[in-house]
Amino acid sequence: MVSSEQRRKQLAREKYLRQQKRRAEARRKARIRTAAVAGGLVLVLAAGGAYAAAGGLAADDKKKDDAASEPSATPSKAPDPCEKPRKGEPSKKQWDKEPKMSIDTSADYTMTLETTCGDIGVDLHTAEAPHTVNSFKFLADQGFLDHSPCHRLVTEGIHVLQCGDPTGTGQGGPGYTIPDENLKAPELKGDVYPAGTVAMANRYNAQTGENRDSGGSQFFLVYKDSKLPPDYTPFGKITEGMDVLQKIAKAGSTPDPQTGNTPPNATVVIDKAEVRKK
C-alpha cells in the first residue's frame, strides 16, 4: 500500500514533469518564432541580392542557424484548394539600387494580388512607409512578382504566409534593399502584428544589431494575430481576401529539407500583382 509520503512524492514528481514539458514546449515555440522571423524569418523575409525580403518576418540567409533548422509544419492530406497557375515564368530581373521615388506620397495606394487561391486586396500605408510602397509599385509595374510562388507558410507560433521571392527558395530578391519604416506603428501593440497586416521580411539580427534596412521584395501576410518584435516594416492592411489566407492555412504545409522552408500544401502563386493610386 502506498503511504501518504510516497503519494506526496509521486504527485510532486508528476507536477515537476508537467512543468518541464510546458517549459520545453515554450522553448520550442520560441525557436519556431525566431526561425520564422529572424533566421532570417527564416520565416519572414530577406532582402535583395543573395537575400529576399520577409519573414516576415525575416529573409533567409544561406547560413541557417539551429532555430531555423526546425521549421514549423502542418502536413495535410487535404486536397489542394487552389487553381493551376497561369502560364508564365517567374521574373529574373535584377537592379543595382532602389528605384527613385515616383509615387505621390500624399496619395493613397492599393495593391491587388491575383493568386491561384483567390484575390487579396491591400490598402498601402504610403505616408508611413513611402520607400516600401514606392518599391512595390516599381516591382509590380515591372512584373517582378507575377508568376512567383508563396514559399513559406507558418501555422504554429506565428501565423503568416510569406511571398515575394520569384525563385521560391526564400533567398531571392530584386538585387537592392530598402530602409526599414513604420516600426513604431500604433497597431503594433505588445509586439503583436495583428491579423490582416502586410509587412516586409528582412535579415535584421536583433542580438547583434546587424542587417538593418535589409528588406527587398519578400513580404508576409498575417492571417492571425502573431507575436513578433517590431522589426518588420508594416506597410499595408488586408481589405479583401482573409478567407483566401484561411483556406491556404487550413491546407497546412510540409517541410522542404533542402531549403529549410515550410511551403504551403496549397499551390499558392501570385499570377498578377498590381499597385494602383486610388
C-alpha atoms as a PDB file:
ATOM      1  CA  MET A   1       0.000   0.000   0.000  1.00  0.00           C
ATOM      2  CA  VAL A   2       1.304   3.432  -0.947  1.00  0.00           C
ATOM      3  CA  SER A   3       1.959   5.661   2.029  1.00  0.00           C
ATOM      4  CA  SER A   4       0.868   9.284   2.127  1.00  0.00           C
ATOM      5  CA  GLU A   5       4.513  10.368   1.905  1.00  0.00           C
ATOM      6  CA  GLN A   6       5.096   8.220  -1.183  1.00  0.00           C
ATOM      7  CA  ARG A   7       1.923   9.587  -2.737  1.00  0.00           C
ATOM      8  CA  ARG A   8       3.049  13.120  -1.998  1.00  0.00           C
ATOM      9  CA  LYS A   9       6.401  12.489  -3.678  1.00  0.00           C
ATOM     10  CA  GLN A  10       4.679  10.886  -6.663  1.00  0.00           C
ATOM     11  CA  LEU A  11       2.389  13.885  -7.130  1.00  0.00           C
ATOM     12  CA  ALA A  12       5.323  16.260  -6.766  1.00  0.00           C
ATOM     13  CA  ARG A  13       7.245  14.304  -9.401  1.00  0.00           C
ATOM     14  CA  GLU A  14       4.301  14.371 -11.802  1.00  0.00           C
ATOM     15  CA  LYS A  15       3.921  18.120 -11.294  1.00  0.00           C
ATOM     16  CA  TYR A  16       7.623  18.628 -11.978  1.00  0.00           C
ATOM     17  CA  LEU A  17       7.413  16.612 -15.207  1.00  0.00           C
ATOM     18  CA  ARG A  18       4.393  18.623 -16.366  1.00  0.00           C
ATOM     19  CA  GLN A  19       6.267  21.866 -15.702  1.00  0.00           C
ATOM     20  CA  GLN A  20       9.309  20.627 -17.633  1.00  0.00           C
ATOM     21  CA  LYS A  21       7.108  19.603 -20.524  1.00  0.00           C
ATOM     22  CA  ARG A  22       5.435  23.035 -20.636  1.00  0.00           C
ATOM     23  CA  ARG A  23       8.803  24.781 -20.496  1.00  0.00           C
ATOM     24  CA  ALA A  24      10.190  22.613 -23.298  1.00  0.00           C
ATOM     25  CA  GLU A  25       7.133  23.378 -25.421  1.00  0.00           C
ATOM     26  CA  ALA A  26       7.530  27.104 -24.739  1.00  0.00           C
ATOM     27  CA  ARG A  27      11.191  26.937 -25.781  1.00  0.00           C
ATOM     28  CA  ARG A  28      10.272  25.024 -28.930  1.00  0.00           C
ATOM     29  CA  LYS A  29       7.661  27.610 -29.913  1.00  0.00           C
ATOM     30  CA  ALA A  30      10.147  30.398 -29.210  1.00  0.00           C
ATOM     31  CA  ARG A  31      12.650  28.721 -31.541  1.00  0.00           C
ATOM     32  CA  ILE A  32      10.000  28.390 -34.221  1.00  0.00           C
ATOM     33  CA  ARG A  33       9.042  32.027 -33.787  1.00  0.00           C
ATOM     34  CA  THR A  34      12.668  33.103 -34.047  1.00  0.00           C
ATOM     35  CA  ALA A  35      13.299  30.967 -37.102  1.00  0.00           C
ATOM     36  CA  ALA A  36      10.159  32.194 -38.662  1.00  0.00           C
ATOM     37  CA  VAL A  37      11.150  35.699 -38.211  1.00  0.00           C
ATOM     38  CA  ALA A  38      14.708  36.318 -37.857  1.00  0.00           C
ATOM     39  CA  GLY A  39      16.539  33.322 -39.048  1.00  0.00           C
ATOM     40  CA  GLY A  40      16.057  35.421 -41.284  1.00  0.00           C
ATOM     41  CA  LEU A  41      12.082  34.636 -40.708  1.00  0.00           C
ATOM     42  CA  VAL A  42      13.674  32.379 -41.736  1.00  0.00           C
ATOM     43  CA  LEU A  43      10.273  32.761 -41.966  1.00  0.00           C
ATOM     44  CA  VAL A  44       9.695  36.057 -42.954  1.00  0.00           C
ATOM     45  CA  LEU A  45      11.872  37.791 -45.229  1.00  0.00           C
ATOM     46  CA  ALA A  46      15.002  38.623 -46.884  1.00  0.00           C
ATOM     47  CA  ALA A  47      16.492  41.435 -48.746  1.00  0.00           C
ATOM     48  CA  GLY A  48      17.970  41.997 -52.152  1.00  0.00           C
ATOM     49  CA  GLY A  49      20.997  40.371 -53.684  1.00  0.00           C
ATOM     50  CA  ALA A  50      21.538  36.951 -52.191  1.00  0.00           C
ATOM     51  CA  TYR A  51      18.645  37.514 -49.850  1.00  0.00           C
ATOM     52  CA  ALA A  52      14.995  38.215 -50.264  1.00  0.00           C
ATOM     53  CA  ALA A  53      12.925  40.441 -48.138  1.00  0.00           C
ATOM     54  CA  ALA A  54      10.024  38.661 -45.130  1.00  0.00           C
ATOM     55  CA  GLY A  55       9.612  36.749 -42.563  1.00  0.00           C
ATOM     56  CA  GLY A  56       8.059  38.222 -42.491  1.00  0.00           C
ATOM     57  CA  LEU A  57       9.366  38.239 -40.991  1.00  0.00           C
ATOM     58  CA  ALA A  58      12.865  37.692 -41.912  1.00  0.00           C
ATOM     59  CA  ALA A  59      14.545  36.865 -45.083  1.00  0.00           C
ATOM     60  CA  ASP A  60      16.537  33.715 -45.421  1.00  0.00           C
ATOM     61  CA  ASP A  61      20.267  33.606 -45.109  1.00  0.00           C
ATOM     62  CA  LYS A  62      22.183  30.856 -46.843  1.00  0.00           C
ATOM     63  CA  LYS A  63      23.688  30.033 -43.436  1.00  0.00           C
ATOM     64  CA  LYS A  64      20.808  28.809 -41.323  1.00  0.00           C
ATOM     65  CA  ASP A  65      21.071  28.785 -37.532  1.00  0.00           C
ATOM     66  CA  ASP A  66      19.887  25.987 -35.254  1.00  0.00           C
ATOM     67  CA  ALA A  67      16.486  27.572 -34.751  1.00  0.00           C
ATOM     68  CA  ALA A  68      15.989  27.888 -38.453  1.00  0.00           C
ATOM     69  CA  SER A  69      16.685  24.203 -38.869  1.00  0.00           C
ATOM     70  CA  GLU A  70      13.474  23.331 -37.059  1.00  0.00           C
ATOM     71  CA  PRO A  71      10.723  24.706 -39.315  1.00  0.00           C
ATOM     72  CA  SER A  72       7.109  24.645 -38.286  1.00  0.00           C
ATOM     73  CA  ALA A  73       4.995  22.396 -40.462  1.00  0.00           C
ATOM     74  CA  THR A  74       1.498  21.064 -40.581  1.00  0.00           C
ATOM     75  CA  PRO A  75       1.400  18.212 -43.099  1.00  0.00           C
ATOM     76  CA  SER A  76      -2.040  17.747 -44.513  1.00  0.00           C
ATOM     77  CA  LYS A  77      -3.789  15.280 -46.781  1.00  0.00           C
ATOM     78  CA  ALA A  78      -6.444  17.807 -47.670  1.00  0.00           C
ATOM     79  CA  PRO A  79      -6.958  18.359 -51.396  1.00  0.00           C
ATOM     80  CA  ASP A  80      -5.299  21.370 -52.982  1.00  0.00           C
ATOM     81  CA  PRO A  81      -7.859  24.196 -52.619  1.00  0.00           C
ATOM     82  CA  CYS A  82      -6.248  26.360 -55.318  1.00  0.00           C
ATOM     83  CA  GLU A  83      -6.269  26.533 -59.100  1.00  0.00           C
ATOM     84  CA  LYS A  84      -3.408  25.942 -61.513  1.00  0.00           C
ATOM     85  CA  PRO A  85      -1.126  28.939 -62.109  1.00  0.00           C
ATOM     86  CA  ARG A  86      -1.488  30.979 -65.275  1.00  0.00           C
ATOM     87  CA  LYS A  87       1.064  30.407 -67.983  1.00  0.00           C
ATOM     88  CA  GLY A  88       4.236  32.391 -67.490  1.00  0.00           C
ATOM     89  CA  GLU A  89       7.670  32.286 -65.896  1.00  0.00           C
ATOM     90  CA  PRO A  90       8.893  33.981 -62.692  1.00  0.00           C
ATOM     91  CA  SER A  91      10.950  37.119 -63.217  1.00  0.00           C
ATOM     92  CA  LYS A  92      14.739  37.003 -63.274  1.00  0.00           C
ATOM     93  CA  LYS A  93      15.180  40.781 -63.353  1.00  0.00           C
ATOM     94  CA  GLN A  94      17.678  42.428 -61.008  1.00  0.00           C
ATOM     95  CA  TRP A  95      18.528  46.036 -60.197  1.00  0.00           C
ATOM     96  CA  ASP A  96      21.588  47.600 -58.611  1.00  0.00           C
ATOM     97  CA  LYS A  97      19.824  50.185 -56.477  1.00  0.00           C
ATOM     98  CA  GLU A  98      16.491  51.180 -55.018  1.00  0.00           C
ATOM     99  CA  PRO A  99      14.208  52.841 -57.603  1.00  0.00           C
ATOM    100  CA  LYS A 100      13.799  56.600 -57.486  1.00  0.00           C
ATOM    101  CA  MET A 101      10.780  57.913 -55.648  1.00  0.00           C
ATOM    102  CA  SER A 102       7.986  58.137 -58.206  1.00  0.00           C
ATOM    103  CA  ILE A 103       4.808  57.789 -56.162  1.00  0.00           C
ATOM    104  CA  ASP A 104       2.743  60.633 -54.746  1.00  0.00           C
ATOM    105  CA  THR A 105       3.474  60.252 -51.047  1.00  0.00           C
ATOM    106  CA  SER A 106       0.386  62.284 -50.154  1.00  0.00           C
ATOM    107  CA  ALA A 107      -1.927  59.919 -52.074  1.00  0.00           C
ATOM    108  CA  ASP A 108      -3.451  56.569 -51.171  1.00  0.00           C
ATOM    109  CA  TYR A 109      -2.384  53.409 -52.999  1.00  0.00           C
ATOM    110  CA  THR A 110      -3.747  49.886 -53.088  1.00  0.00           C
ATOM    111  CA  MET A 111      -2.159  46.571 -54.019  1.00  0.00           C
ATOM    112  CA  THR A 112      -4.044  43.666 -55.562  1.00  0.00           C
ATOM    113  CA  LEU A 113      -2.569  40.182 -55.559  1.00  0.00           C
ATOM    114  CA  GLU A 114      -4.345  37.918 -58.014  1.00  0.00           C
ATOM    115  CA  THR A 115      -3.404  34.472 -56.737  1.00  0.00           C
ATOM    116  CA  THR A 116      -4.277  30.923 -57.689  1.00  0.00           C
ATOM    117  CA  CYS A 117      -6.253  30.710 -54.450  1.00  0.00           C
ATOM    118  CA  GLY A 118      -8.199  33.970 -54.834  1.00  0.00           C
ATOM    119  CA  ASP A 119      -7.646  37.719 -54.872  1.00  0.00           C
ATOM    120  CA  ILE A 120      -6.114  39.584 -51.945  1.00  0.00           C
ATOM    121  CA  GLY A 121      -6.628  43.346 -51.679  1.00  0.00           C
ATOM    122  CA  VAL A 122      -4.367  45.584 -49.604  1.00  0.00           C
ATOM    123  CA  ASP A 123      -4.532  49.244 -48.594  1.00  0.00           C
ATOM    124  CA  LEU A 124      -0.944  50.508 -48.537  1.00  0.00           C
ATOM    125  CA  HIS A 125       0.500  52.830 -45.881  1.00  0.00           C
ATOM    126  CA  THR A 126       2.001  55.336 -48.298  1.00  0.00           C
ATOM    127  CA  ALA A 127       2.740  58.162 -45.876  1.00  0.00           C
ATOM    128  CA  GLU A 128       4.172  55.875 -43.188  1.00  0.00           C
ATOM    129  CA  ALA A 129       6.240  53.636 -45.489  1.00  0.00           C
ATOM    130  CA  PRO A 130       6.929  55.608 -48.696  1.00  0.00           C
ATOM    131  CA  HIS A 131      10.104  53.734 -49.690  1.00  0.00           C
ATOM    132  CA  THR A 132       8.377  50.380 -49.311  1.00  0.00           C
ATOM    133  CA  VAL A 133       5.260  51.393 -51.222  1.00  0.00           C
ATOM    134  CA  ASN A 134       7.353  53.029 -53.942  1.00  0.00           C
ATOM    135  CA  SER A 135       9.406  49.841 -54.285  1.00  0.00           C
ATOM    136  CA  PHE A 136       6.327  47.642 -54.589  1.00  0.00           C
ATOM    137  CA  LYS A 137       4.815  49.979 -57.171  1.00  0.00           C
ATOM    138  CA  PHE A 138       8.039  49.693 -59.174  1.00  0.00           C
ATOM    139  CA  LEU A 139       8.244  45.898 -58.821  1.00  0.00           C
ATOM    140  CA  ALA A 140       4.589  45.430 -59.724  1.00  0.00           C
ATOM    141  CA  ASP A 141       4.954  47.634 -62.805  1.00  0.00           C
ATOM    142  CA  GLN A 142       7.977  45.547 -63.818  1.00  0.00           C
ATOM    143  CA  GLY A 143       6.036  42.291 -63.403  1.00  0.00           C
ATOM    144  CA  PHE A 144       8.611  41.136 -60.850  1.00  0.00           C
ATOM    145  CA  LEU A 145       6.043  39.454 -58.597  1.00  0.00           C
ATOM    146  CA  ASP A 146       3.999  37.872 -61.394  1.00  0.00           C
ATOM    147  CA  HIS A 147       4.110  34.045 -61.510  1.00  0.00           C
ATOM    148  CA  SER A 148       6.015  33.918 -58.212  1.00  0.00           C
ATOM    149  CA  PRO A 149       5.152  31.246 -55.612  1.00  0.00           C
ATOM    150  CA  CYS A 150       4.500  31.964 -51.956  1.00  0.00           C
ATOM    151  CA  HIS A 151       7.245  29.832 -50.477  1.00  0.00           C
ATOM    152  CA  ARG A 152       6.550  29.663 -46.741  1.00  0.00           C
ATOM    153  CA  LEU A 153       3.533  29.094 -44.536  1.00  0.00           C
ATOM    154  CA  VAL A 154       3.832  29.129 -40.753  1.00  0.00           C
ATOM    155  CA  THR A 155       0.905  27.861 -38.724  1.00  0.00           C
ATOM    156  CA  GLU A 156       2.466  27.476 -35.287  1.00  0.00           C
ATOM    157  CA  GLY A 157       3.937  30.155 -33.036  1.00  0.00           C
ATOM    158  CA  ILE A 158       3.204  32.805 -35.631  1.00  0.00           C
ATOM    159  CA  HIS A 159       0.648  32.711 -38.434  1.00  0.00           C
ATOM    160  CA  VAL A 160       1.960  34.088 -41.709  1.00  0.00           C
ATOM    161  CA  LEU A 161       2.211  33.391 -45.414  1.00  0.00           C
ATOM    162  CA  GLN A 162       5.461  34.609 -46.958  1.00  0.00           C
ATOM    163  CA  CYS A 163       5.725  35.620 -50.611  1.00  0.00           C
ATOM    164  CA  GLY A 164       7.709  37.907 -52.903  1.00  0.00           C
ATOM    165  CA  ASP A 165      10.583  35.668 -53.994  1.00  0.00           C
ATOM    166  CA  PRO A 166      10.397  34.656 -57.672  1.00  0.00           C
ATOM    167  CA  THR A 167      12.925  31.867 -57.031  1.00  0.00           C
ATOM    168  CA  GLY A 168      10.648  30.269 -54.434  1.00  0.00           C
ATOM    169  CA  THR A 169      13.653  29.477 -52.231  1.00  0.00           C
ATOM    170  CA  GLY A 170      13.482  32.270 -49.666  1.00  0.00           C
ATOM    171  CA  GLN A 171      16.839  33.598 -50.879  1.00  0.00           C
ATOM    172  CA  GLY A 172      15.717  35.676 -53.848  1.00  0.00           C
ATOM    173  CA  GLY A 173      15.110  39.389 -54.198  1.00  0.00           C
ATOM    174  CA  PRO A 174      15.316  42.345 -56.587  1.00  0.00           C
ATOM    175  CA  GLY A 175      19.037  42.988 -56.075  1.00  0.00           C
ATOM    176  CA  TYR A 176      18.571  46.117 -53.949  1.00  0.00           C
ATOM    177  CA  THR A 177      17.463  46.800 -50.406  1.00  0.00           C
ATOM    178  CA  ILE A 178      15.152  49.400 -48.865  1.00  0.00           C
ATOM    179  CA  PRO A 179      15.118  51.030 -45.423  1.00  0.00           C
ATOM    180  CA  ASP A 180      13.001  49.839 -42.522  1.00  0.00           C
ATOM    181  CA  GLU A 181       9.971  52.072 -41.956  1.00  0.00           C
ATOM    182  CA  ASN A 182       6.958  52.494 -39.697  1.00  0.00           C
ATOM    183  CA  LEU A 183       8.405  50.298 -36.934  1.00  0.00           C
ATOM    184  CA  LYS A 184       6.607  52.371 -34.292  1.00  0.00           C
ATOM    185  CA  ALA A 185       3.214  51.918 -35.916  1.00  0.00           C
ATOM    186  CA  PRO A 186       0.465  52.252 -33.290  1.00  0.00           C
ATOM    187  CA  GLU A 187      -1.133  48.971 -34.371  1.00  0.00           C
ATOM    188  CA  LEU A 188       1.941  47.007 -33.253  1.00  0.00           C
ATOM    189  CA  LYS A 189       0.894  46.888 -29.623  1.00  0.00           C
ATOM    190  CA  GLY A 190       2.564  44.423 -27.285  1.00  0.00           C
ATOM    191  CA  ASP A 191       4.861  43.139 -30.033  1.00  0.00           C
ATOM    192  CA  VAL A 192       1.884  41.733 -31.912  1.00  0.00           C
ATOM    193  CA  TYR A 193       1.350  42.027 -35.645  1.00  0.00           C
ATOM    194  CA  PRO A 194      -2.443  41.878 -35.896  1.00  0.00           C
ATOM    195  CA  ALA A 195      -4.285  39.722 -38.389  1.00  0.00           C
ATOM    196  CA  GLY A 196      -4.516  41.470 -41.745  1.00  0.00           C
ATOM    197  CA  THR A 197      -1.090  43.109 -41.502  1.00  0.00           C
ATOM    198  CA  VAL A 198       1.198  43.039 -44.537  1.00  0.00           C
ATOM    199  CA  ALA A 199       4.849  43.518 -43.581  1.00  0.00           C
ATOM    200  CA  MET A 200       8.350  43.230 -45.002  1.00  0.00           C
ATOM    201  CA  ALA A 201      10.737  40.404 -44.363  1.00  0.00           C
ATOM    202  CA  ASN A 202      14.368  41.217 -43.687  1.00  0.00           C
ATOM    203  CA  ARG A 203      17.654  39.886 -42.302  1.00  0.00           C
ATOM    204  CA  TYR A 204      17.844  42.015 -39.180  1.00  0.00           C
ATOM    205  CA  ASN A 205      19.568  40.307 -36.241  1.00  0.00           C
ATOM    206  CA  ALA A 206      18.243  41.777 -33.004  1.00  0.00           C
ATOM    207  CA  GLN A 207      21.038  40.183 -30.952  1.00  0.00           C
ATOM    208  CA  THR A 208      23.866  41.815 -32.888  1.00  0.00           C
ATOM    209  CA  GLY A 209      22.019  44.810 -34.315  1.00  0.00           C
ATOM    210  CA  GLU A 210      23.253  43.879 -37.785  1.00  0.00           C
ATOM    211  CA  ASN A 211      21.404  43.988 -41.116  1.00  0.00           C
ATOM    212  CA  ARG A 212      19.017  46.829 -40.508  1.00  0.00           C
ATOM    213  CA  ASP A 213      17.429  48.186 -43.703  1.00  0.00           C
ATOM    214  CA  SER A 214      17.755  44.805 -45.430  1.00  0.00           C
ATOM    215  CA  GLY A 215      14.272  44.480 -46.933  1.00  0.00           C
ATOM    216  CA  GLY A 216      13.946  43.606 -50.609  1.00  0.00           C
ATOM    217  CA  SER A 217      10.854  42.061 -52.181  1.00  0.00           C
ATOM    218  CA  GLN A 218       9.828  39.340 -49.719  1.00  0.00           C
ATOM    219  CA  PHE A 219       6.851  40.141 -47.538  1.00  0.00           C
ATOM    220  CA  PHE A 220       4.433  38.321 -45.287  1.00  0.00           C
ATOM    221  CA  LEU A 221       0.691  38.310 -44.833  1.00  0.00           C
ATOM    222  CA  VAL A 222      -0.546  37.833 -41.262  1.00  0.00           C
ATOM    223  CA  TYR A 223      -3.742  35.744 -41.131  1.00  0.00           C
ATOM    224  CA  LYS A 224      -3.930  35.516 -37.312  1.00  0.00           C
ATOM    225  CA  ASP A 225      -2.519  37.782 -34.593  1.00  0.00           C
ATOM    226  CA  SER A 226       1.196  36.928 -34.327  1.00  0.00           C
ATOM    227  CA  LYS A 227       3.651  37.899 -31.617  1.00  0.00           C
ATOM    228  CA  LEU A 228       6.760  39.320 -33.276  1.00  0.00           C
ATOM    229  CA  PRO A 229       9.232  42.040 -32.332  1.00  0.00           C
ATOM    230  CA  PRO A 230       8.561  45.331 -34.188  1.00  0.00           C
ATOM    231  CA  ASP A 231      11.440  44.811 -36.613  1.00  0.00           C
ATOM    232  CA  TYR A 232       9.458  44.265 -39.824  1.00  0.00           C
ATOM    233  CA  THR A 233       8.050  47.203 -41.759  1.00  0.00           C
ATOM    234  CA  PRO A 234       4.233  47.100 -41.686  1.00  0.00           C
ATOM    235  CA  PHE A 235       3.229  48.656 -44.999  1.00  0.00           C
ATOM    236  CA  GLY A 236      -0.309  47.524 -45.659  1.00  0.00           C
ATOM    237  CA  LYS A 237      -3.622  46.256 -44.339  1.00  0.00           C
ATOM    238  CA  ILE A 238      -5.599  43.469 -45.993  1.00  0.00           C
ATOM    239  CA  THR A 239      -9.051  44.663 -47.035  1.00  0.00           C
ATOM    240  CA  GLU A 240     -10.092  41.633 -49.060  1.00  0.00           C
ATOM    241  CA  GLY A 241      -9.036  38.003 -49.062  1.00  0.00           C
ATOM    242  CA  MET A 242      -8.642  36.989 -45.412  1.00  0.00           C
ATOM    243  CA  ASP A 243     -10.785  33.980 -46.336  1.00  0.00           C
ATOM    244  CA  VAL A 244      -8.205  33.149 -49.003  1.00  0.00           C
ATOM    245  CA  LEU A 245      -5.440  33.092 -46.384  1.00  0.00           C
ATOM    246  CA  GLN A 246      -7.531  30.963 -44.042  1.00  0.00           C
ATOM    247  CA  LYS A 247      -8.114  28.478 -46.858  1.00  0.00           C
ATOM    248  CA  ILE A 248      -4.381  28.279 -47.516  1.00  0.00           C
ATOM    249  CA  ALA A 249      -3.582  27.876 -43.822  1.00  0.00           C
ATOM    250  CA  LYS A 250      -6.163  25.121 -43.408  1.00  0.00           C
ATOM    251  CA  ALA A 251      -4.418  23.045 -46.087  1.00  0.00           C
ATOM    252  CA  GLY A 252      -1.209  23.126 -43.998  1.00  0.00           C
ATOM    253  CA  SER A 253       2.441  22.970 -45.003  1.00  0.00           C
ATOM    254  CA  THR A 254       5.223  20.428 -45.470  1.00  0.00           C
ATOM    255  CA  PRO A 255       8.933  20.923 -44.644  1.00  0.00           C
ATOM    256  CA  ASP A 256      11.391  21.156 -47.507  1.00  0.00           C
ATOM    257  CA  PRO A 257      14.664  19.599 -46.237  1.00  0.00           C
ATOM    258  CA  GLN A 258      16.719  21.271 -48.970  1.00  0.00           C
ATOM    259  CA  THR A 259      15.692  24.875 -48.295  1.00  0.00           C
ATOM    260  CA  GLY A 260      14.502  24.657 -44.697  1.00  0.00           C
ATOM    261  CA  ASN A 261      11.256  26.310 -45.789  1.00  0.00           C
ATOM    262  CA  THR A 262       7.759  25.108 -44.995  1.00  0.00           C
ATOM    263  CA  PRO A 263       5.966  25.633 -48.326  1.00  0.00           C
ATOM    264  CA  PRO A 264       2.191  25.564 -48.229  1.00  0.00           C
ATOM    265  CA  ASN A 265       0.477  22.382 -49.394  1.00  0.00           C
ATOM    266  CA  ALA A 266      -1.830  24.609 -51.426  1.00  0.00           C
ATOM    267  CA  THR A 267      -0.483  25.777 -54.780  1.00  0.00           C
ATOM    268  CA  VAL A 268      -0.143  29.464 -53.902  1.00  0.00           C
ATOM    269  CA  VAL A 269       1.190  31.503 -56.816  1.00  0.00           C
ATOM    270  CA  ILE A 270       0.824  35.243 -57.437  1.00  0.00           C
ATOM    271  CA  ASP A 271      -0.464  35.269 -61.005  1.00  0.00           C
ATOM    272  CA  LYS A 272      -0.514  39.065 -61.141  1.00  0.00           C
ATOM    273  CA  ALA A 273       0.426  41.882 -58.744  1.00  0.00           C
ATOM    274  CA  GLU A 274      -0.752  45.420 -59.293  1.00  0.00           C
ATOM    275  CA  VAL A 275      -0.277  48.636 -57.322  1.00  0.00           C
ATOM    276  CA  ARG A 276      -2.649  51.500 -58.126  1.00  0.00           C
ATOM    277  CA  LYS A 277      -3.218  55.030 -56.938  1.00  0.00           C
ATOM    278  CA  LYS A 278      -6.718  55.461 -55.523  1.00  0.00           C
END
